[in-house]
Amino acid sequence: MAIDYNATMNLPKTDFPMRAGLPQREPEMIKKWQDEELYQKLMEKNKDLPLYVLHDGPPYANGDIHLGTALNKILKIIFVLFLCHFSFLLYVN
């Protein structure tokens, strides 16, 4: 007999679903962003800022994926978000 641990957990009650369901929700989110013209608004907001071009090469240029590769991608994402939202018009090549 399997024990149901849900009743023993001291977790807050929220409206959030237990599972993210990204494959089902992603098309809805993308449609919402397109309807709001979010990317166009961001580009319009940053149009007079200096241009910064980030040359991003192939994802695994030096062989198999490893922690250094993951760190590199994470740092690039942080860097891109910082530049795009706060100081530069960004073009990723």
PDB file of N, CA and C in Angstrom:
ATOM      1  N   MET A   1       0.831  -1.178   0.000  1.00  0.00           N
ATOM      2  CA  MET A   1       0.000   0.000   0.000  1.00  0.00           C
ATOM      3  C   MET A   1       0.880   1.248   0.000  1.00  0.00           C
ATOM      4  N   ALA A   2       0.640   2.126  -0.930  1.00  0.00           N
ATOM      5  CA  ALA A   2       1.424   3.350  -1.042  1.00  0.00           C
ATOM      6  C   ALA A   2       0.918   4.400  -0.063  1.00  0.00           C
ATOM      7  N   ILE A   3       1.848   5.110   0.534  1.00  0.00           N
ATOM      8  CA  ILE A   3       1.488   6.162   1.493  1.00  0.00           C
ATOM      9  C   ILE A   3       1.341   7.480   0.745  1.00  0.00           C
ATOM     10  N   ASP A   4       0.237   8.192   1.028  1.00  0.00           N
ATOM     11  CA  ASP A   4       0.017   9.504   0.413  1.00  0.00           C
ATOM     12  C   ASP A   4       0.637  10.563   1.329  1.00  0.00           C
ATOM     13  N   TYR A   5       1.757  11.131   0.899  1.00  0.00           N
ATOM     14  CA  TYR A   5       2.464  12.108   1.712  1.00  0.00           C
ATOM     15  C   TYR A   5       1.923  13.523   1.537  1.00  0.00           C
ATOM     16  N   ASN A   6       1.002  13.753   0.623  1.00  0.00           N
ATOM     17  CA  ASN A   6       0.463  15.092   0.400  1.00  0.00           C
ATOM     18  C   ASN A   6      -0.139  15.679   1.664  1.00  0.00           C
ATOM     19  N   ALA A   7      -0.829  14.879   2.453  1.00  0.00           N
ATOM     20  CA  ALA A   7      -1.471  15.380   3.674  1.00  0.00           C
ATOM     21  C   ALA A   7      -0.449  15.700   4.759  1.00  0.00           C
ATOM     22  N   THR A   8       0.749  15.148   4.674  1.00  0.00           N
ATOM     23  CA  THR A   8       1.760  15.372   5.708  1.00  0.00           C
ATOM     24  C   THR A   8       2.643  16.574   5.412  1.00  0.00           C
ATOM     25  N   MET A   9       2.533  17.134   4.219  1.00  0.00           N
ATOM     26  CA  MET A   9       3.383  18.260   3.815  1.00  0.00           C
ATOM     27  C   MET A   9       2.802  19.565   4.338  1.00  0.00           C
ATOM     28  N   ASN A  10       3.651  20.409   4.879  1.00  0.00           N
ATOM     29  CA  ASN A  10       3.229  21.709   5.378  1.00  0.00           C
ATOM     30  C   ASN A  10       3.559  22.757   4.313  1.00  0.00           C
ATOM     31  N   LEU A  11       2.778  22.785   3.249  1.00  0.00           N
ATOM     32  CA  LEU A  11       3.007  23.694   2.140  1.00  0.00           C
ATOM     33  C   LEU A  11       1.846  24.678   2.029  1.00  0.00           C
ATOM     34  N   PRO A  12       2.107  25.883   1.545  1.00  0.00           N
ATOM     35  CA  PRO A  12       1.018  26.850   1.396  1.00  0.00           C
ATOM     36  C   PRO A  12       0.071  26.441   0.265  1.00  0.00           C
ATOM     37  N   LYS A  13      -1.167  26.838   0.376  1.00  0.00           N
ATOM     38  CA  LYS A  13      -2.145  26.590  -0.685  1.00  0.00           C
ATOM     39  C   LYS A  13      -2.045  27.730  -1.693  1.00  0.00           C
ATOM     40  N   THR A  14      -1.813  27.394  -2.949  1.00  0.00           N
ATOM     41  CA  THR A  14      -1.683  28.410  -3.996  1.00  0.00           C
ATOM     42  C   THR A  14      -2.538  28.017  -5.192  1.00  0.00           C
ATOM     43  N   ASP A  15      -2.679  28.976  -6.116  1.00  0.00           N
ATOM     44  CA  ASP A  15      -3.393  28.728  -7.367  1.00  0.00           C
ATOM     45  C   ASP A  15      -2.478  28.161  -8.441  1.00  0.00           C
ATOM     46  N   PHE A  16      -1.180  28.063  -8.140  1.00  0.00           N
ATOM     47  CA  PHE A  16      -0.240  27.561  -9.121  1.00  0.00           C
ATOM     48  C   PHE A  16      -0.478  26.083  -9.366  1.00  0.00           C
ATOM     49  N   PRO A  17      -0.407  25.645 -10.624  1.00  0.00           N
ATOM     50  CA  PRO A  17      -0.560  24.215 -10.892  1.00  0.00           C
ATOM     51  C   PRO A  17       0.658  23.442 -10.374  1.00  0.00           C
ATOM     52  N   MET A  18       0.454  22.187 -10.070  1.00  0.00           N
ATOM     53  CA  MET A  18       1.543  21.359  -9.572  1.00  0.00           C
ATOM     54  C   MET A  18       2.592  21.089 -10.650  1.00  0.00           C
ATOM     55  N   ARG A  19       2.173  21.105 -11.880  1.00  0.00           N
ATOM     56  CA  ARG A  19       3.102  20.884 -12.992  1.00  0.00           C
ATOM     57  C   ARG A  19       3.077  22.105 -13.902  1.00  0.00           C
ATOM     58  N   ALA A  20       4.230  22.422 -14.452  1.00  0.00           N
ATOM     59  CA  ALA A  20       4.328  23.619 -15.277  1.00  0.00           C
ATOM     60  C   ALA A  20       3.597  23.458 -16.607  1.00  0.00           C
ATOM     61  N   GLY A  21       3.640  22.278 -17.209  1.00  0.00           N
ATOM     62  CA  GLY A  21       2.973  22.048 -18.489  1.00  0.00           C
ATOM     63  C   GLY A  21       3.505  22.947 -19.587  1.00  0.00           C
ATOM     64  N   LEU A  22       4.832  23.111 -19.645  1.00  0.00           N
ATOM     65  CA  LEU A  22       5.440  24.027 -20.603  1.00  0.00           C
ATOM     66  C   LEU A  22       5.072  23.731 -22.053  1.00  0.00           C
ATOM     67  N   PRO A  23       5.055  22.484 -22.495  1.00  0.00           N
ATOM     68  CA  PRO A  23       4.687  22.246 -23.898  1.00  0.00           C
ATOM     69  C   PRO A  23       3.293  22.768 -24.250  1.00  0.00           C
ATOM     70  N   GLN A  24       2.383  22.771 -23.291  1.00  0.00           N
ATOM     71  CA  GLN A  24       1.038  23.285 -23.558  1.00  0.00           C
ATOM     72  C   GLN A  24       0.979  24.799 -23.361  1.00  0.00           C
ATOM     73  N   ARG A  25       1.727  25.335 -22.401  1.00  0.00           N
ATOM     74  CA  ARG A  25       1.641  26.756 -22.077  1.00  0.00           C
ATOM     75  C   ARG A  25       2.517  27.639 -22.949  1.00  0.00           C
ATOM     76  N   GLU A  26       3.615  27.104 -23.492  1.00  0.00           N
ATOM     77  CA  GLU A  26       4.533  27.932 -24.262  1.00  0.00           C
ATOM     78  C   GLU A  26       3.862  28.594 -25.464  1.00  0.00           C
ATOM     79  N   PRO A  27       3.064  27.883 -26.277  1.00  0.00           N
ATOM     80  CA  PRO A  27       2.405  28.567 -27.397  1.00  0.00           C
ATOM     81  C   PRO A  27       1.497  29.711 -26.929  1.00  0.00           C
ATOM     82  N   GLU A  28       0.836  29.553 -25.782  1.00  0.00           N
ATOM     83  CA  GLU A  28       0.000  30.628 -25.245  1.00  0.00           C
ATOM     84  C   GLU A  28       0.842  31.845 -24.871  1.00  0.00           C
ATOM     85  N   MET A  29       1.988  31.609 -24.222  1.00  0.00           N
ATOM     86  CA  MET A  29       2.856  32.711 -23.817  1.00  0.00           C
ATOM     87  C   MET A  29       3.414  33.437 -25.037  1.00  0.00           C
ATOM     88  N   ILE A  30       3.856  32.678 -26.044  1.00  0.00           N
ATOM     89  CA  ILE A  30       4.406  33.296 -27.253  1.00  0.00           C
ATOM     90  C   ILE A  30       3.342  34.116 -27.958  1.00  0.00           C
ATOM     91  N   LYS A  31       2.118  33.602 -28.044  1.00  0.00           N
ATOM     92  CA  LYS A  31       1.029  34.347 -28.673  1.00  0.00           C
ATOM     93  C   LYS A  31       0.751  35.645 -27.914  1.00  0.00           C
ATOM     94  N   LYS A  32       0.771  35.574 -26.584  1.00  0.00           N
ATOM     95  CA  LYS A  32       0.544  36.773 -25.766  1.00  0.00           C
ATOM     96  C   LYS A  32       1.629  37.809 -26.039  1.00  0.00           C
ATOM     97  N   TRP A  33       2.879  37.377 -26.093  1.00  0.00           N
ATOM     98  CA  TRP A  33       3.986  38.302 -26.370  1.00  0.00           C
ATOM     99  C   TRP A  33       3.847  38.913 -27.752  1.00  0.00           C
ATOM    100  N   GLN A  34       3.428  38.092 -28.733  1.00  0.00           N
ATOM    101  CA  GLN A  34       3.245  38.607 -30.089  1.00  0.00           C
ATOM    102  C   GLN A  34       2.076  39.590 -30.145  1.00  0.00           C
ATOM    103  N   ASP A  35       0.984  39.270 -29.458  1.00  0.00           N
ATOM    104  CA  ASP A  35      -0.173  40.169 -29.437  1.00  0.00           C
ATOM    105  C   ASP A  35       0.171  41.505 -28.785  1.00  0.00           C
ATOM    106  N   GLU A  36       0.998  41.469 -27.755  1.00  0.00           N
ATOM    107  CA  GLU A  36       1.407  42.693 -27.063  1.00  0.00           C
ATOM    108  C   GLU A  36       2.541  43.409 -27.789  1.00  0.00           C
ATOM    109  N   GLU A  37       3.098  42.776 -28.835  1.00  0.00           N
ATOM    110  CA  GLU A  37       4.242  43.306 -29.583  1.00  0.00           C
ATOM    111  C   GLU A  37       5.383  43.659 -28.629  1.00  0.00           C
ATOM    112  N   LEU A  38       5.666  42.754 -27.726  1.00  0.00           N
ATOM    113  CA  LEU A  38       6.656  42.974 -26.684  1.00  0.00           C
ATOM    114  C   LEU A  38       8.054  43.238 -27.254  1.00  0.00           C
ATOM    115  N   TYR A  39       8.468  42.434 -28.230  1.00  0.00           N
ATOM    116  CA  TYR A  39       9.803  42.611 -28.811  1.00  0.00           C
ATOM    117  C   TYR A  39       9.908  43.951 -29.525  1.00  0.00           C
ATOM    118  N   GLN A  40       8.867  44.317 -30.272  1.00  0.00           N
ATOM    119  CA  GLN A  40       8.880  45.584 -30.992  1.00  0.00           C
ATOM    120  C   GLN A  40       8.944  46.761 -30.015  1.00  0.00           C
ATOM    121  N   LYS A  41       8.240  46.655 -28.905  1.00  0.00           N
ATOM    122  CA  LYS A  41       8.274  47.720 -27.900  1.00  0.00           C
ATOM    123  C   LYS A  41       9.665  47.848 -27.292  1.00  0.00           C
ATOM    124  N   LEU A  42      10.316  46.719 -27.043  1.00  0.00           N
ATOM    125  CA  LEU A  42      11.667  46.742 -26.488  1.00  0.00           C
ATOM    126  C   LEU A  42      12.638  47.376 -27.485  1.00  0.00           C
ATOM    127  N   MET A  43      12.521  47.014 -28.754  1.00  0.00           N
ATOM    128  CA  MET A  43      13.395  47.601 -29.765  1.00  0.00           C
ATOM    129  C   MET A  43      13.130  49.095 -29.925  1.00  0.00           C
ATOM    130  N   GLU A  44      11.879  49.502 -29.851  1.00  0.00           N
ATOM    131  CA  GLU A  44      11.534  50.924 -29.952  1.00  0.00           C
ATOM    132  C   GLU A  44      12.110  51.691 -28.760  1.00  0.00           C
ATOM    133  N   LYS A  45      12.006  51.101 -27.575  1.00  0.00           N
ATOM    134  CA  LYS A  45      12.530  51.744 -26.364  1.00  0.00           C
ATOM    135  C   LYS A  45      14.048  51.937 -26.453  1.00  0.00           C
ATOM    136  N   ASN A  46      14.736  50.986 -27.062  1.00  0.00           N
ATOM    137  CA  ASN A  46      16.202  51.013 -27.106  1.00  0.00           C
ATOM    138  C   ASN A  46      16.771  51.535 -28.417  1.00  0.00           C
ATOM    139  N   LYS A  47      15.952  52.075 -29.303  1.00  0.00           N
ATOM    140  CA  LYS A  47      16.428  52.419 -30.648  1.00  0.00           C
ATOM    141  C   LYS A  47      17.532  53.474 -30.667  1.00  0.00           C
ATOM    142  N   ASP A  48      17.563  54.371 -29.708  1.00  0.00           N
ATOM    143  CA  ASP A  48      18.576  55.431 -29.713  1.00  0.00           C
ATOM    144  C   ASP A  48      19.811  55.079 -28.898  1.00  0.00           C
ATOM    145  N   LEU A  49      19.831  53.879 -28.339  1.00  0.00           N
ATOM    146  CA  LEU A  49      20.989  53.452 -27.549  1.00  0.00           C
ATOM    147  C   LEU A  49      22.093  52.940 -28.470  1.00  0.00           C
ATOM    148  N   PRO A  50      23.338  52.930 -27.981  1.00  0.00           N
ATOM    149  CA  PRO A  50      24.429  52.399 -28.812  1.00  0.00           C
ATOM    150  C   PRO A  50      24.218  50.917 -29.118  1.00  0.00           C
ATOM    151  N   LEU A  51      24.639  50.509 -30.303  1.00  0.00           N
ATOM    152  CA  LEU A  51      24.498  49.123 -30.736  1.00  0.00           C
ATOM    153  C   LEU A  51      25.636  48.287 -30.163  1.00  0.00           C
ATOM    154  N   TYR A  52      25.309  47.109 -29.655  1.00  0.00           N
ATOM    155  CA  TYR A  52      26.301  46.160 -29.168  1.00  0.00           C
ATOM    156  C   TYR A  52      26.044  44.844 -29.873  1.00  0.00           C
ATOM    157  N   VAL A  53      27.054  44.302 -30.550  1.00  0.00           N
ATOM    158  CA  VAL A  53      26.913  43.041 -31.268  1.00  0.00           C
ATOM    159  C   VAL A  53      27.631  41.952 -30.477  1.00  0.00           C
ATOM    160  N   LEU A  54      26.887  40.912 -30.118  1.00  0.00           N
ATOM    161  CA  LEU A  54      27.454  39.766 -29.414  1.00  0.00           C
ATOM    162  C   LEU A  54      27.584  38.620 -30.411  1.00  0.00           C
ATOM    163  N   HIS A  55      28.817  38.217 -30.704  1.00  0.00           N
ATOM    164  CA  HIS A  55      29.053  37.109 -31.623  1.00  0.00           C
ATOM    165  C   HIS A  55      29.059  35.816 -30.816  1.00  0.00           C
ATOM    166  N   ASP A  56      28.017  35.021 -30.978  1.00  0.00           N
ATOM    167  CA  ASP A  56      27.881  33.771 -30.238  1.00  0.00           C
ATOM    168  C   ASP A  56      28.111  32.625 -31.204  1.00  0.00           C
ATOM    169  N   GLY A  57      29.123  31.813 -30.931  1.00  0.00           N
ATOM    170  CA  GLY A  57      29.485  30.729 -31.831  1.00  0.00           C
ATOM    171  C   GLY A  57      28.641  29.489 -31.632  1.00  0.00           C
ATOM    172  N   PRO A  58      29.061  28.382 -32.227  1.00  0.00           N
ATOM    173  CA  PRO A  58      28.328  27.126 -32.069  1.00  0.00           C
ATOM    174  C   PRO A  58      28.291  26.713 -30.610  1.00  0.00           C
ATOM    175  N   PRO A  59      27.244  26.019 -30.204  1.00  0.00           N
ATOM    176  CA  PRO A  59      27.095  25.714 -28.779  1.00  0.00           C
ATOM    177  C   PRO A  59      28.168  24.786 -28.213  1.00  0.00           C
ATOM    178  N   TYR A  60      28.661  23.848 -28.995  1.00  0.00           N
ATOM    179  CA  TYR A  60      29.637  22.887 -28.475  1.00  0.00           C
ATOM    180  C   TYR A  60      30.850  22.840 -29.401  1.00  0.00           C
ATOM    181  N   ALA A  61      31.520  23.957 -29.540  1.00  0.00           N
ATOM    182  CA  ALA A  61      32.618  24.056 -30.500  1.00  0.00           C
ATOM    183  C   ALA A  61      33.821  23.214 -30.111  1.00  0.00           C
ATOM    184  N   ASN A  62      33.996  22.953 -28.812  1.00  0.00           N
ATOM    185  CA  ASN A  62      35.199  22.265 -28.354  1.00  0.00           C
ATOM    186  C   ASN A  62      34.937  20.835 -27.907  1.00  0.00           C
ATOM    187  N   GLY A  63      33.939  20.202 -28.467  1.00  0.00           N
ATOM    188  CA  GLY A  63      33.661  18.821 -28.086  1.00  0.00           C
ATOM    189  C   GLY A  63      32.341  18.689 -27.360  1.00  0.00           C
ATOM    190  N   ASP A  64      32.298  17.735 -26.440  1.00  0.00           N
ATOM    191  CA  ASP A  64      31.063  17.447 -25.713  1.00  0.00           C
ATOM    192  C   ASP A  64      30.708  18.566 -24.748  1.00  0.00           C
ATOM    193  N   ILE A  65      29.418  18.641 -24.426  1.00  0.00           N
ATOM    194  CA  ILE A  65      28.949  19.629 -23.455  1.00  0.00           C
ATOM    195  C   ILE A  65      29.489  19.278 -22.069  1.00  0.00           C
ATOM    196  N   HIS A  66      29.835  20.313 -21.289  1.00  0.00           N
ATOM    197  CA  HIS A  66      30.327  20.124 -19.930  1.00  0.00           C
ATOM    198  C   HIS A  66      29.912  21.332 -19.100  1.00  0.00           C
ATOM    199  N   LEU A  67      30.275  21.383 -17.840  1.00  0.00           N
ATOM    200  CA  LEU A  67      29.846  22.473 -16.971  1.00  0.00           C
ATOM    201  C   LEU A  67      30.344  23.831 -17.443  1.00  0.00           C
ATOM    202  N   GLY A  68      31.521  23.871 -18.028  1.00  0.00           N
ATOM    203  CA  GLY A  68      32.037  25.137 -18.567  1.00  0.00           C
ATOM    204  C   GLY A  68      31.160  25.655 -19.691  1.00  0.00           C
ATOM    205  N   THR A  69      30.648  24.758 -20.523  1.00  0.00           N
ATOM    206  CA  THR A  69      29.743  25.146 -21.604  1.00  0.00           C
ATOM    207  C   THR A  69      28.461  25.720 -21.023  1.00  0.00           C
ATOM    208  N   ALA A  70      27.917  25.064 -20.026  1.00  0.00           N
ATOM    209  CA  ALA A  70      26.688  25.545 -19.388  1.00  0.00           C
ATOM    210  C   ALA A  70      26.922  26.902 -18.743  1.00  0.00           C
ATOM    211  N   LEU A  71      28.025  27.066 -18.042  1.00  0.00           N
ATOM    212  CA  LEU A  71      28.335  28.344 -17.406  1.00  0.00           C
ATOM    213  C   LEU A  71      28.460  29.447 -18.455  1.00  0.00           C
ATOM    214  N   ASN A  72      29.111  29.131 -19.566  1.00  0.00           N
ATOM    215  CA  ASN A  72      29.265  30.093 -20.651  1.00  0.00           C
ATOM    216  C   ASN A  72      27.902  30.562 -21.158  1.00  0.00           C
ATOM    217  N   LYS A  73      26.987  29.637 -21.397  1.00  0.00           N
ATOM    218  CA  LYS A  73      25.656  29.987 -21.899  1.00  0.00           C
ATOM    219  C   LYS A  73      24.872  30.801 -20.868  1.00  0.00           C
ATOM    220  N   ILE A  74      24.961  30.419 -19.604  1.00  0.00           N
ATOM    221  CA  ILE A  74      24.246  31.143 -18.551  1.00  0.00           C
ATOM    222  C   ILE A  74      24.769  32.570 -18.435  1.00  0.00           C
ATOM    223  N   LEU A  75      26.086  32.733 -18.459  1.00  0.00           N
ATOM    224  CA  LEU A  75      26.654  34.074 -18.383  1.00  0.00           C
ATOM    225  C   LEU A  75      26.261  34.917 -19.588  1.00  0.00           C
ATOM    226  N   LYS A  76      26.207  34.311 -20.773  1.00  0.00           N
ATOM    227  CA  LYS A  76      25.783  35.055 -21.960  1.00  0.00           C
ATOM    228  C   LYS A  76      24.336  35.504 -21.838  1.00  0.00           C
ATOM    229  N   ILE A  77      23.479  34.660 -21.289  1.00  0.00           N
ATOM    230  CA  ILE A  77      22.077  35.033 -21.114  1.00  0.00           C
ATOM    231  C   ILE A  77      21.965  36.215 -20.157  1.00  0.00           C
ATOM    232  N   ILE A  78      22.687  36.155 -19.035  1.00  0.00           N
ATOM    233  CA  ILE A  78      22.659  37.255 -18.065  1.00  0.00           C
ATOM    234  C   ILE A  78      23.183  38.533 -18.711  1.00  0.00           C
ATOM    235  N   PHE A  79      24.279  38.428 -19.438  1.00  0.00           N
ATOM    236  CA  PHE A  79      24.893  39.573 -20.094  1.00  0.00           C
ATOM    237  C   PHE A  79      23.948  40.181 -21.126  1.00  0.00           C
ATOM    238  N   VAL A  80      23.319  39.336 -21.932  1.00  0.00           N
ATOM    239  CA  VAL A  80      22.382  39.800 -22.951  1.00  0.00           C
ATOM    240  C   VAL A  80      21.199  40.517 -22.303  1.00  0.00           C
ATOM    241  N   LEU A  81      20.638  39.934 -21.254  1.00  0.00           N
ATOM    242  CA  LEU A  81      19.503  40.571 -20.580  1.00  0.00           C
ATOM    243  C   LEU A  81      19.893  41.912 -19.988  1.00  0.00           C
ATOM    244  N   PHE A  82      21.057  41.985 -19.383  1.00  0.00           N
ATOM    245  CA  PHE A  82      21.513  43.249 -18.806  1.00  0.00           C
ATOM    246  C   PHE A  82      21.660  44.313 -19.883  1.00  0.00           C
ATOM    247  N   LEU A  83      22.365  43.968 -20.947  1.00  0.00           N
ATOM    248  CA  LEU A  83      22.590  44.950 -22.009  1.00  0.00           C
ATOM    249  C   LEU A  83      21.292  45.385 -22.672  1.00  0.00           C
ATOM    250  N   CYS A  84      20.448  44.414 -22.951  1.00  0.00           N
ATOM    251  CA  CYS A  84      19.221  44.696 -23.684  1.00  0.00           C
ATOM    252  C   CYS A  84      18.255  45.551 -22.873  1.00  0.00           C
ATOM    253  N   HIS A  85      18.163  45.302 -21.598  1.00  0.00           N
ATOM    254  CA  HIS A  85      17.164  45.989 -20.791  1.00  0.00           C
ATOM    255  C   HIS A  85      17.655  47.291 -20.183  1.00  0.00           C
ATOM    256  N   PHE A  86      18.958  47.467 -20.072  1.00  0.00           N
ATOM    257  CA  PHE A  86      19.414  48.620 -19.321  1.00  0.00           C
ATOM    258  C   PHE A  86      20.320  49.586 -20.079  1.00  0.00           C
ATOM    259  N   SER A  87      20.991  49.156 -21.143  1.00  0.00           N
ATOM    260  CA  SER A  87      21.954  50.117 -21.664  1.00  0.00           C
ATOM    261  C   SER A  87      22.211  50.081 -23.165  1.00  0.00           C
ATOM    262  N   PHE A  88      21.914  49.009 -23.873  1.00  0.00           N
ATOM    263  CA  PHE A  88      22.292  48.908 -25.270  1.00  0.00           C
ATOM    264  C   PHE A  88      21.189  48.322 -26.132  1.00  0.00           C
ATOM    265  N   LEU A  89      21.199  48.658 -27.403  1.00  0.00           N
ATOM    266  CA  LEU A  89      20.407  47.937 -28.410  1.00  0.00           C
ATOM    267  C   LEU A  89      21.286  46.753 -28.802  1.00  0.00           C
ATOM    268  N   LEU A  90      20.808  45.561 -28.620  1.00  0.00           N
ATOM    269  CA  LEU A  90      21.642  44.365 -28.741  1.00  0.00           C
ATOM    270  C   LEU A  90      21.315  43.596 -29.999  1.00  0.00           C
ATOM    271  N   TYR A  91      22.334  43.167 -30.689  1.00  0.00           N
ATOM    272  CA  TYR A  91      22.198  42.289 -31.848  1.00  0.00           C
ATOM    273  C   TYR A  91      23.059  41.070 -31.587  1.00  0.00           C
ATOM    274  N   VAL A  92      22.434  39.887 -31.538  1.00  0.00           N
ATOM    275  CA  VAL A  92      23.182  38.646 -31.321  1.00  0.00           C
ATOM    276  C   VAL A  92      23.402  38.000 -32.665  1.00  0.00           C
ATOM    277  N   ASN A  93      24.653  37.817 -33.026  1.00  0.00           N
ATOM    278  CA  ASN A  93      25.010  37.253 -34.317  1.00  0.00           C
ATOM    279  C   ASN A  93      25.438  35.822 -34.130  1.00  0.00           C
TER     280      ASN A  93
END
